[in-house]
Amino acid sequence: MTREATITLEDVQIIWALPIDGLPVICLDIERSTEEWQIYCREYLGFSPDEEAFKGSRLHTHAIMNFIRTVEFTHDTPRPTVVQYTRCIVMLLLGGLMCPDSSGNMVPLLYLSKLEEINAARNYSWGSAVLAFLYRELCHASLKGKAAIGGALQLLQIWAWSRIIQLSPGLGVERLYMDEVQVNIDRFLPAAPYGAIWNCRHNFTRTVLTTVRVIRDILDNMQEDQFIWQPYDMDSDRIMAYAADFTPELWRSACPLIFYAIVEIHHPERVLRQFGMRQNIPEMPDSRDMTLHQISRKARTGTDWGVQHILHIRRWQRRRDIIVNRPPISNETHTERGYWEWYNNITRRFVSSSTSRRVERGYQPGDGCMRDIVAPYMPSHAESYSAHVDLDLVLGVNQPYAPEYNISPIPFPSFSAYRDRVESSSATTSSQLHINDDDDDNEQNEPTQNIVEKIRRPRRQRYRRNCGTDGHF
């Protein structure tokens, strides 16, 4: 069990070297007809797409790709043509890599508004915009009935590979050339960012690739030492190449992340161990922040998002005044007293379904048999409780300090040892578990229902959830 973790502004800036300081990416959501959008594209992209390439205010990425394949550059190519080509490339990056929607092949032309003055594009906080869009997509994808997800998934994958040991394929030997490239005597293309080290040949013989059932089981059984809280070598050449452009003081800013209609709150106080600080019990999310999940561009054409989100823009302007600071980790003290009780009370312990039904084919989740054994001996409310209770706590394995819990652990030899002796869920055949250990005969014959006393838990703090990820953690 690893506690809360999430992707933050630190990860966005280190992995992709995107700027996280600057102006918020926001503007007036202008309504235009298809003909007006064609004229707009002709002016700023250099071509007029066919009507079939539009879907409302979005443009099909294939139209942009087909155009750039026809562009040829020479030393005499005029600068306006070069700038238009550059805008096309940036639009493909935004719509296909940085902020793609769940369609995967459409890009909102609203993004082009920040590229009209190409030299001013560097003044915007693109890193916070990318993170805001990813947070929103994670929210939508985690809700029941959703089958697609957008956002910077490559960024999220690199984040997971860098931190979760069981999911990481490891770095291969054959890598992309990442050093700076000299263009002429006094001009250089910058070196590739840190995330480019994963652009290599991967070996998946020791880890899983795409099997969802296996990945969920890995996350369910992940232990403390299988998650790397601080994976980045800040003295490495990859990171030092961009160190002058980094703004580490903003990595721990509890600021709003703004991207047109989207506003998501950055919560570094929930994941302080990622910054080498001792984790305390964070405050509950502001209910006003949770309502932001209901705001989108749908049917809101003509909205001036700069006016709509003026309060959050003002808070963004004070981003350096809301930096989270806590004592550093010392003497292996990673959390403050009471954190584990709070965490056990609010977390969802398992990613996999809490039902005891075994899967019929394919990979069998490792904890399935143990859940089948434990479920009949839990209290009557076990069905709703099993999604939140930590079975390690109930079974007495690695039991932390928890005075609020009145639990007598079931006398299992160990979680893994008992699981190895169980061949199927039919191993439990009566209301008693016969375990061969050194316990007293009277205790060994006592029904397990009497061993587990009534579990008294603090009343769960209730608040309206508009996000299936419970705040992206």
Protein backbone atom coordinates (compact mmCIF):
# COMPACT_ATOMS: atom_id res chain seq x y z
CA MET A 1 0.00 0.00 0.00
CA THR A 2 1.68 3.22 -1.16
CA ARG A 3 -0.65 6.08 -0.18
CA GLU A 4 -1.76 8.81 -2.58
CA ALA A 5 0.26 9.72 -5.67
CA THR A 6 -0.47 11.70 -8.80
CA ILE A 7 1.17 13.46 -11.71
CA THR A 8 2.06 17.07 -10.86
CA LEU A 9 3.52 20.20 -12.44
CA GLU A 10 6.98 18.87 -11.56
CA ASP A 11 6.46 15.82 -13.76
CA VAL A 12 5.10 17.86 -16.67
CA GLN A 13 8.06 20.23 -16.67
CA ILE A 14 10.75 17.59 -16.19
CA ILE A 15 9.39 14.94 -18.58
CA TRP A 16 8.37 17.25 -21.43
CA ALA A 17 10.19 20.49 -20.52
CA LEU A 18 6.98 22.48 -20.98
CA PRO A 19 6.75 25.93 -19.35
CA ILE A 20 4.50 25.99 -16.29
CA ASP A 21 4.90 29.69 -15.60
CA GLY A 22 3.26 32.45 -17.62
CA LEU A 23 -0.19 33.52 -18.73
CA PRO A 24 -3.14 31.13 -18.44
CA VAL A 25 -4.30 29.59 -21.73
CA ILE A 26 -7.74 31.19 -21.98
CA CYS A 27 -9.71 33.40 -24.37
CA LEU A 28 -13.10 34.19 -25.88
CA ASP A 29 -14.79 31.12 -27.40
CA ILE A 30 -15.71 32.68 -30.76
CA GLU A 31 -18.56 31.28 -32.84
CA ARG A 32 -17.86 31.01 -36.57
CA SER A 33 -19.51 29.37 -39.55
CA THR A 34 -17.68 26.73 -41.58
CA GLU A 35 -16.91 29.28 -44.28
CA GLU A 36 -15.46 31.65 -41.69
CA TRP A 37 -13.33 28.87 -40.26
CA GLN A 38 -12.01 28.14 -43.75
CA ILE A 39 -10.95 31.77 -44.14
CA TYR A 40 -9.39 31.69 -40.68
CA CYS A 41 -7.37 28.57 -41.55
CA ARG A 42 -6.26 30.08 -44.84
CA GLU A 43 -4.84 33.08 -42.97
CA TYR A 44 -3.08 31.31 -40.13
CA LEU A 45 -2.44 27.76 -41.39
CA GLY A 46 -1.84 28.49 -45.04
CA PHE A 47 -4.62 26.37 -46.53
CA SER A 48 -8.42 26.20 -46.64
CA PRO A 49 -9.71 22.76 -45.56
CA ASP A 50 -12.72 21.15 -47.22
CA GLU A 51 -16.07 21.38 -45.48
CA GLU A 52 -15.91 17.64 -44.68
CA ALA A 53 -12.80 18.25 -42.57
CA PHE A 54 -14.76 20.32 -40.04
CA LYS A 55 -16.93 19.15 -37.20
CA GLY A 56 -18.29 22.27 -35.60
CA SER A 57 -15.27 24.27 -34.45
CA ARG A 58 -12.94 21.26 -34.67
CA LEU A 59 -10.68 20.37 -37.60
CA HIS A 60 -9.71 16.87 -38.68
CA THR A 61 -5.98 16.31 -38.12
CA HIS A 62 -5.69 14.41 -41.42
CA ALA A 63 -6.44 17.66 -43.25
CA ILE A 64 -3.43 19.31 -41.58
CA MET A 65 -1.19 16.30 -42.21
CA ASN A 66 -2.13 16.13 -45.88
CA PHE A 67 -1.29 19.82 -46.25
CA ILE A 68 2.13 19.77 -44.57
CA ARG A 69 3.18 16.87 -46.82
CA THR A 70 2.81 19.20 -49.80
CA VAL A 71 4.95 21.99 -48.34
CA GLU A 72 8.54 22.23 -49.59
CA PHE A 73 11.14 24.48 -48.03
CA THR A 74 14.13 26.19 -49.61
CA HIS A 75 16.41 28.99 -48.50
CA ASP A 76 14.10 31.39 -50.33
CA THR A 77 10.89 30.27 -48.58
CA PRO A 78 9.22 33.42 -47.20
CA ARG A 79 8.93 33.71 -43.43
CA PRO A 80 5.08 33.86 -43.38
CA THR A 81 5.00 30.42 -45.01
CA VAL A 82 7.42 29.08 -42.39
CA VAL A 83 5.27 30.52 -39.59
CA GLN A 84 2.11 28.98 -41.06
CA TYR A 85 3.84 25.60 -41.29
CA THR A 86 4.98 25.98 -37.67
CA ARG A 87 1.39 26.60 -36.58
CA CYS A 88 0.32 23.42 -38.36
CA ILE A 89 2.94 21.40 -36.48
CA VAL A 90 1.93 22.90 -33.13
CA MET A 91 -1.75 22.18 -33.84
CA LEU A 92 -0.88 18.54 -34.52
CA LEU A 93 1.07 18.39 -31.25
CA LEU A 94 -1.81 19.90 -29.30
CA GLY A 95 -4.51 17.77 -30.90
CA GLY A 96 -2.54 14.54 -31.14
CA LEU A 97 -0.15 14.45 -28.17
CA MET A 98 -0.54 17.20 -25.58
CA CYS A 99 -4.32 17.73 -25.39
CA PRO A 100 -6.02 15.14 -27.62
CA ASP A 101 -9.69 14.45 -27.02
CA SER A 102 -11.15 10.95 -26.96
CA SER A 103 -11.75 11.02 -30.74
CA GLY A 104 -8.01 11.03 -31.37
CA ASN A 105 -8.26 12.75 -34.76
CA MET A 106 -9.90 16.15 -34.18
CA VAL A 107 -8.30 19.37 -32.90
CA PRO A 108 -10.29 22.42 -31.72
CA LEU A 109 -9.49 25.51 -33.77
CA LEU A 110 -9.81 27.49 -30.54
CA TYR A 111 -6.22 26.42 -29.84
CA LEU A 112 -5.10 28.40 -32.88
CA SER A 113 -6.05 31.64 -31.13
CA LYS A 114 -2.89 31.43 -28.99
CA LEU A 115 -0.73 30.90 -32.08
CA GLU A 116 -1.83 33.94 -34.06
CA GLU A 117 1.18 35.84 -32.69
CA ILE A 118 3.71 33.05 -32.92
CA ASN A 119 6.38 34.86 -30.89
CA ALA A 120 3.91 35.40 -28.02
CA ALA A 121 3.06 31.70 -27.73
CA ARG A 122 6.03 31.15 -25.41
CA ASN A 123 4.48 33.48 -22.83
CA TYR A 124 1.71 31.01 -21.91
CA SER A 125 1.75 28.27 -19.29
CA TRP A 126 1.35 25.30 -21.62
CA GLY A 127 2.46 22.85 -18.95
CA SER A 128 -0.37 23.74 -16.58
CA ALA A 129 -2.82 23.66 -19.52
CA VAL A 130 -1.72 20.12 -20.45
CA LEU A 131 -2.07 18.95 -16.84
CA ALA A 132 -5.53 20.55 -16.51
CA PHE A 133 -6.72 18.74 -19.64
CA LEU A 134 -5.27 15.42 -18.43
CA TYR A 135 -6.93 15.78 -15.02
CA ARG A 136 -10.28 16.42 -16.65
CA GLU A 137 -9.93 13.41 -18.95
CA LEU A 138 -8.99 11.18 -16.01
CA CYS A 139 -12.13 12.36 -14.24
CA HIS A 140 -14.38 11.50 -17.17
CA ALA A 141 -12.70 8.18 -17.95
CA SER A 142 -13.02 6.94 -14.35
CA LEU A 143 -16.80 7.30 -14.30
CA LYS A 144 -19.01 4.30 -14.97
CA GLY A 145 -19.93 3.76 -18.61
CA LYS A 146 -16.93 5.55 -20.11
CA ALA A 147 -14.98 3.61 -22.72
CA ALA A 148 -12.51 6.20 -24.07
CA ILE A 149 -9.98 8.65 -22.69
CA GLY A 150 -8.03 11.59 -24.05
CA GLY A 151 -5.29 13.77 -22.64
CA ALA A 152 -1.51 13.43 -22.52
CA LEU A 153 -1.44 9.66 -22.09
CA GLN A 154 2.18 9.37 -23.19
CA LEU A 155 3.09 11.75 -20.37
CA LEU A 156 1.07 9.66 -17.93
CA GLN A 157 2.70 6.45 -19.16
CA ILE A 158 6.21 7.83 -18.66
CA TRP A 159 5.17 8.98 -15.19
CA ALA A 160 4.00 5.45 -14.35
CA TRP A 161 7.08 3.78 -15.84
CA SER A 162 9.35 6.10 -13.85
CA ARG A 163 7.67 5.37 -10.51
CA ILE A 164 5.90 1.98 -10.49
CA ILE A 165 8.57 -0.71 -10.57
CA GLN A 166 6.33 -3.59 -11.67
CA LEU A 167 5.05 -1.67 -14.71
CA SER A 168 8.40 -0.35 -15.88
CA PRO A 169 9.97 -2.15 -18.86
CA GLY A 170 13.34 -0.63 -18.06
CA LEU A 171 15.49 1.54 -20.30
CA GLY A 172 16.88 -0.09 -23.42
CA VAL A 173 20.31 0.41 -24.90
CA GLU A 174 19.32 1.71 -28.33
CA ARG A 175 18.01 5.21 -27.71
CA LEU A 176 17.07 8.25 -29.71
CA TYR A 177 19.86 10.77 -30.29
CA MET A 178 19.09 13.38 -27.65
CA ASP A 179 21.94 15.87 -27.65
CA GLU A 180 21.59 19.39 -29.03
CA VAL A 181 21.94 19.83 -32.78
CA GLN A 182 23.95 22.69 -34.30
CA VAL A 183 22.02 24.48 -37.05
CA ASN A 184 24.66 27.05 -37.95
CA ILE A 185 27.55 28.83 -36.25
CA ASP A 186 25.49 30.49 -33.52
CA ARG A 187 22.22 28.51 -33.49
CA PHE A 188 21.47 25.20 -31.82
CA LEU A 189 18.36 23.08 -31.53
CA PRO A 190 17.84 22.20 -27.85
CA ALA A 191 18.54 18.76 -26.47
CA ALA A 192 15.63 16.36 -26.09
CA PRO A 193 13.83 16.58 -22.69
CA TYR A 194 14.06 13.96 -19.96
CA GLY A 195 11.07 11.99 -21.23
CA ALA A 196 12.96 11.15 -24.44
CA ILE A 197 15.11 8.61 -22.58
CA TRP A 198 12.15 6.23 -22.89
CA ASN A 199 12.27 6.47 -26.68
CA CYS A 200 14.17 3.21 -27.04
CA ARG A 201 13.68 -0.50 -27.62
CA HIS A 202 11.83 -1.90 -24.60
CA ASN A 203 11.92 -5.41 -23.20
CA PHE A 204 8.56 -6.60 -21.86
CA THR A 205 9.67 -10.11 -20.87
CA ARG A 206 9.69 -9.11 -17.19
CA THR A 207 6.63 -6.90 -17.09
CA VAL A 208 3.13 -6.68 -18.50
CA LEU A 209 2.27 -4.75 -21.65
CA THR A 210 -1.47 -4.24 -22.14
CA THR A 211 -3.41 -6.84 -20.12
CA VAL A 212 -5.79 -4.78 -17.97
CA ARG A 213 -6.59 -7.60 -15.54
CA VAL A 214 -2.91 -8.13 -14.77
CA ILE A 215 -2.21 -4.40 -14.36
CA ARG A 216 -5.11 -4.05 -11.92
CA ASP A 217 -3.83 -6.98 -9.90
CA ILE A 218 -0.35 -5.41 -9.81
CA LEU A 219 -1.79 -2.17 -8.48
CA ASP A 220 -3.91 -4.05 -5.92
CA ASN A 221 -0.86 -5.85 -4.51
CA MET A 222 1.69 -3.02 -4.77
CA GLN A 223 3.86 -2.61 -1.68
CA GLU A 224 5.60 0.42 -0.22
CA ASP A 225 9.02 -0.38 -1.69
CA GLN A 226 7.60 -0.92 -5.19
CA PHE A 227 6.82 2.76 -5.78
CA ILE A 228 9.60 5.32 -6.38
CA TRP A 229 8.55 8.62 -4.87
CA GLN A 230 11.41 10.69 -6.30
CA PRO A 231 12.62 9.08 -9.54
CA TYR A 232 14.42 12.00 -11.15
CA ASP A 233 18.18 12.47 -10.99
CA MET A 234 18.31 16.26 -10.84
CA ASP A 235 22.06 16.23 -11.63
CA SER A 236 21.69 14.24 -14.87
CA ASP A 237 22.56 15.81 -18.20
CA ARG A 238 18.99 15.39 -19.46
CA ILE A 239 17.58 17.52 -16.65
CA MET A 240 20.46 19.96 -16.36
CA ALA A 241 20.03 20.85 -20.04
CA TYR A 242 16.73 22.55 -19.14
CA ALA A 243 17.50 23.53 -15.55
CA ALA A 244 17.71 27.23 -16.45
CA ASP A 245 14.12 27.14 -17.75
CA PHE A 246 12.67 25.22 -14.80
CA THR A 247 10.55 26.93 -12.16
CA PRO A 248 10.77 24.50 -9.20
CA GLU A 249 9.14 26.99 -6.84
CA LEU A 250 5.85 26.37 -8.70
CA TRP A 251 6.00 22.58 -8.46
CA ARG A 252 4.37 22.80 -5.02
CA SER A 253 1.93 25.60 -5.78
CA ALA A 254 -1.71 24.85 -4.84
CA CYS A 255 -2.87 26.86 -7.82
CA PRO A 256 -5.68 26.43 -10.36
CA LEU A 257 -4.77 24.86 -13.69
CA ILE A 258 -6.57 26.71 -16.47
CA PHE A 259 -7.19 25.66 -20.06
CA TYR A 260 -10.06 27.57 -21.68
CA ALA A 261 -13.25 26.13 -20.10
CA ILE A 262 -11.31 23.69 -17.90
CA VAL A 263 -10.20 24.62 -14.41
CA GLU A 264 -8.64 21.94 -12.21
CA ILE A 265 -6.95 22.47 -8.87
CA HIS A 266 -3.35 21.40 -8.34
CA HIS A 267 -3.05 19.57 -4.99
CA PRO A 268 0.63 19.03 -4.08
CA GLU A 269 -0.38 18.88 -0.40
CA ARG A 270 -1.87 15.44 -1.07
CA VAL A 271 1.41 13.97 -2.40
CA LEU A 272 4.14 15.63 -0.35
CA ARG A 273 6.35 12.53 -0.41
CA GLN A 274 6.88 13.17 -4.12
CA PHE A 275 8.67 16.36 -3.04
CA GLY A 276 10.67 14.77 -0.22
CA MET A 277 8.39 16.14 2.51
CA ARG A 278 6.59 14.49 5.39
CA GLN A 279 2.95 13.80 4.55
CA ASN A 280 0.28 15.17 6.87
CA ILE A 281 -3.50 14.83 6.77
CA PRO A 282 -4.67 17.17 4.00
CA GLU A 283 -7.83 19.19 4.11
CA MET A 284 -10.91 17.96 2.28
CA PRO A 285 -11.41 19.39 -1.24
CA ASP A 286 -13.40 22.59 -1.48
CA SER A 287 -16.91 21.79 -2.68
CA ARG A 288 -16.73 24.83 -4.97
CA ASP A 289 -13.73 23.29 -6.71
CA MET A 290 -15.64 20.05 -7.27
CA THR A 291 -18.38 21.89 -9.19
CA LEU A 292 -15.78 22.92 -11.77
CA HIS A 293 -16.00 19.42 -13.22
CA GLN A 294 -19.42 20.26 -14.58
CA ILE A 295 -18.14 23.16 -16.72
CA SER A 296 -17.21 22.46 -20.34
CA ARG A 297 -17.26 24.10 -23.77
CA LYS A 298 -20.30 22.09 -24.81
CA ALA A 299 -23.11 24.46 -25.87
CA ARG A 300 -21.09 27.39 -24.50
CA THR A 301 -19.96 28.99 -27.76
CA GLY A 302 -19.48 32.73 -27.35
CA THR A 303 -18.43 32.46 -23.70
CA ASP A 304 -15.55 34.66 -22.60
CA TRP A 305 -13.69 32.19 -20.38
CA GLY A 306 -11.47 34.98 -19.10
CA VAL A 307 -14.54 36.52 -17.48
CA GLN A 308 -16.11 33.20 -16.50
CA HIS A 309 -13.02 32.13 -14.55
CA ILE A 310 -11.87 35.53 -13.32
CA LEU A 311 -11.60 34.35 -9.69
CA HIS A 312 -9.39 31.44 -10.66
CA ILE A 313 -7.28 33.68 -12.88
CA ARG A 314 -6.66 35.97 -9.93
CA ARG A 315 -5.68 32.98 -7.86
CA TRP A 316 -3.32 31.88 -10.64
CA GLN A 317 -1.72 35.33 -10.53
CA ARG A 318 -0.95 34.67 -6.84
CA ARG A 319 0.53 31.23 -7.59
CA ARG A 320 3.83 32.06 -5.86
CA ASP A 321 2.02 32.97 -2.66
CA ILE A 322 0.32 29.59 -2.22
CA ILE A 323 3.35 27.30 -2.12
CA VAL A 324 2.95 24.22 0.09
CA ASN A 325 5.72 23.68 2.63
CA ARG A 326 6.13 20.87 5.15
CA PRO A 327 9.04 19.43 7.15
CA PRO A 328 11.33 17.19 5.12
CA ILE A 329 11.40 13.44 5.59
CA SER A 330 13.80 12.54 8.36
CA ASN A 331 14.67 9.39 10.29
CA GLU A 332 12.44 7.33 7.99
CA THR A 333 9.40 9.26 9.25
CA HIS A 334 7.39 9.64 6.05
CA THR A 335 4.00 10.53 7.49
CA GLU A 336 2.68 12.38 10.48
CA ARG A 337 0.69 10.70 13.23
CA GLY A 338 -2.88 9.90 12.24
CA TYR A 339 -2.30 9.89 8.49
CA TRP A 340 -2.75 6.13 8.10
CA GLU A 341 -6.09 6.21 9.90
CA TRP A 342 -7.26 9.02 7.64
CA TYR A 343 -5.98 7.24 4.54
CA ASN A 344 -7.66 3.94 5.38
CA ASN A 345 -10.90 5.81 5.94
CA ILE A 346 -11.04 7.65 2.60
CA THR A 347 -9.22 5.41 0.14
CA ARG A 348 -10.41 2.71 -2.20
CA ARG A 349 -8.02 -0.11 -1.43
CA PHE A 350 -8.53 -2.20 -4.57
CA VAL A 351 -8.73 -1.21 -8.22
CA SER A 352 -10.21 -4.55 -9.18
CA SER A 353 -13.85 -5.40 -8.55
CA SER A 354 -14.67 -6.30 -4.96
CA THR A 355 -17.01 -9.10 -6.03
CA SER A 356 -16.01 -12.63 -5.06
CA ARG A 357 -16.85 -14.06 -8.50
CA ARG A 358 -13.83 -15.76 -10.03
CA VAL A 359 -12.98 -15.09 -13.65
CA GLU A 360 -13.56 -18.02 -15.99
CA ARG A 361 -10.61 -17.66 -18.37
CA GLY A 362 -7.22 -16.03 -18.66
CA TYR A 363 -5.16 -14.57 -15.87
CA GLN A 364 -6.51 -15.30 -12.38
CA PRO A 365 -6.06 -12.33 -10.01
CA GLY A 366 -3.74 -13.35 -7.19
CA ASP A 367 -5.94 -12.10 -4.39
CA GLY A 368 -9.16 -13.61 -5.70
CA CYS A 369 -9.02 -16.72 -3.55
CA MET A 370 -8.20 -14.75 -0.43
CA ARG A 371 -11.16 -12.45 -0.96
CA ASP A 372 -13.42 -15.49 -1.38
CA ILE A 373 -12.17 -16.86 1.92
CA VAL A 374 -12.42 -13.62 3.88
CA ALA A 375 -15.76 -12.36 2.54
CA PRO A 376 -18.03 -14.93 4.31
CA TYR A 377 -16.46 -14.08 7.67
CA MET A 378 -16.75 -10.32 7.41
CA PRO A 379 -19.67 -8.47 9.02
CA SER A 380 -22.98 -8.25 7.18
CA HIS A 381 -22.01 -4.97 5.55
CA ALA A 382 -18.89 -6.53 3.99
CA GLU A 383 -20.18 -6.12 0.44
CA SER A 384 -20.11 -2.33 0.62
CA TYR A 385 -17.22 -2.30 3.07
CA SER A 386 -14.81 -4.48 1.09
CA ALA A 387 -14.12 -1.75 -1.44
CA HIS A 388 -12.64 0.45 1.29
CA VAL A 389 -11.25 -1.75 4.05
CA ASP A 390 -7.60 -2.79 3.96
CA LEU A 391 -7.58 -6.60 4.09
CA ASP A 392 -3.99 -6.55 5.35
CA LEU A 393 -5.32 -4.72 8.39
CA VAL A 394 -8.10 -7.24 9.00
CA LEU A 395 -5.76 -10.18 8.52
CA GLY A 396 -3.20 -8.74 10.92
CA VAL A 397 -0.42 -8.43 8.33
CA ASN A 398 1.79 -5.35 8.73
CA GLN A 399 -0.88 -3.81 10.95
CA PRO A 400 -0.18 -0.08 11.50
CA TYR A 401 -1.04 1.96 14.54
CA ALA A 402 -4.82 2.34 14.38
CA PRO A 403 -6.51 2.99 17.72
CA GLU A 404 -9.84 3.77 16.04
CA TYR A 405 -10.14 0.20 14.73
CA ASN A 406 -11.31 -2.45 17.20
CA ILE A 407 -10.11 -5.51 15.29
CA SER A 408 -8.89 -8.90 16.47
CA PRO A 409 -6.84 -10.22 13.52
CA ILE A 410 -7.82 -13.58 12.08
CA PRO A 411 -5.01 -15.98 13.11
CA PHE A 412 -3.75 -16.64 9.59
CA PRO A 413 -0.07 -17.72 9.39
CA SER A 414 0.40 -15.02 6.74
CA PHE A 415 -1.41 -13.56 3.80
CA SER A 416 0.79 -15.14 1.13
CA ALA A 417 1.49 -18.42 2.91
CA TYR A 418 -2.19 -19.18 3.35
CA ARG A 419 -2.97 -18.16 -0.21
CA ASP A 420 -0.37 -20.63 -1.49
CA ARG A 421 -2.19 -23.46 0.33
CA VAL A 422 -5.50 -22.61 -1.31
CA GLU A 423 -6.16 -24.15 -4.70
CA SER A 424 -9.56 -22.59 -5.31
CA SER A 425 -12.30 -20.66 -3.62
CA SER A 426 -13.91 -23.98 -2.58
CA ALA A 427 -11.25 -24.38 0.10
CA THR A 428 -13.65 -22.74 2.54
CA THR A 429 -16.26 -25.43 3.20
CA SER A 430 -17.75 -24.48 6.55
CA SER A 431 -18.20 -21.62 8.92
CA GLN A 432 -14.84 -22.41 10.52
CA LEU A 433 -11.29 -22.03 9.15
CA HIS A 434 -9.05 -24.91 10.27
CA ILE A 435 -5.55 -23.51 10.54
CA ASN A 436 -2.60 -25.51 11.79
CA ASP A 437 -0.64 -23.27 14.10
CA ASP A 438 0.37 -23.20 17.75
CA ASP A 439 -2.79 -21.51 19.02
CA ASP A 440 -4.81 -22.97 21.87
CA ASP A 441 -7.32 -25.68 20.84
CA ASN A 442 -10.26 -23.69 22.16
CA GLU A 443 -9.23 -20.67 20.14
CA GLN A 444 -8.59 -22.73 17.03
CA ASN A 445 -12.09 -24.24 17.07
CA GLU A 446 -13.77 -20.92 17.66
CA PRO A 447 -15.84 -19.75 14.68
CA THR A 448 -14.15 -17.02 12.74
CA GLN A 449 -17.22 -14.81 13.04
CA ASN A 450 -16.46 -14.56 16.79
CA ILE A 451 -12.81 -13.77 16.17
CA VAL A 452 -13.54 -10.68 14.12
CA GLU A 453 -15.22 -8.29 16.52
CA LYS A 454 -17.56 -5.59 15.38
CA ILE A 455 -15.49 -3.15 13.38
CA ARG A 456 -15.96 0.42 14.50
CA ARG A 457 -14.90 2.93 11.93
CA PRO A 458 -15.01 6.70 12.07
CA ARG A 459 -17.96 8.12 10.21
CA ARG A 460 -16.88 8.69 6.61
CA GLN A 461 -16.77 12.33 5.66
CA ARG A 462 -19.30 12.82 2.93
CA TYR A 463 -19.04 15.28 0.11
CA ARG A 464 -20.42 15.42 -3.37
CA ARG A 465 -18.23 13.61 -5.85
CA ASN A 466 -18.20 14.85 -9.40
CA CYS A 467 -14.94 13.08 -10.14
CA GLY A 468 -14.47 9.34 -10.30
CA THR A 469 -10.79 9.67 -9.41
CA ASP A 470 -11.58 11.40 -6.08
CA GLY A 471 -9.38 14.31 -7.08
CA HIS A 472 -6.98 12.51 -9.49
CA PHE A 473 -5.28 10.44 -6.75
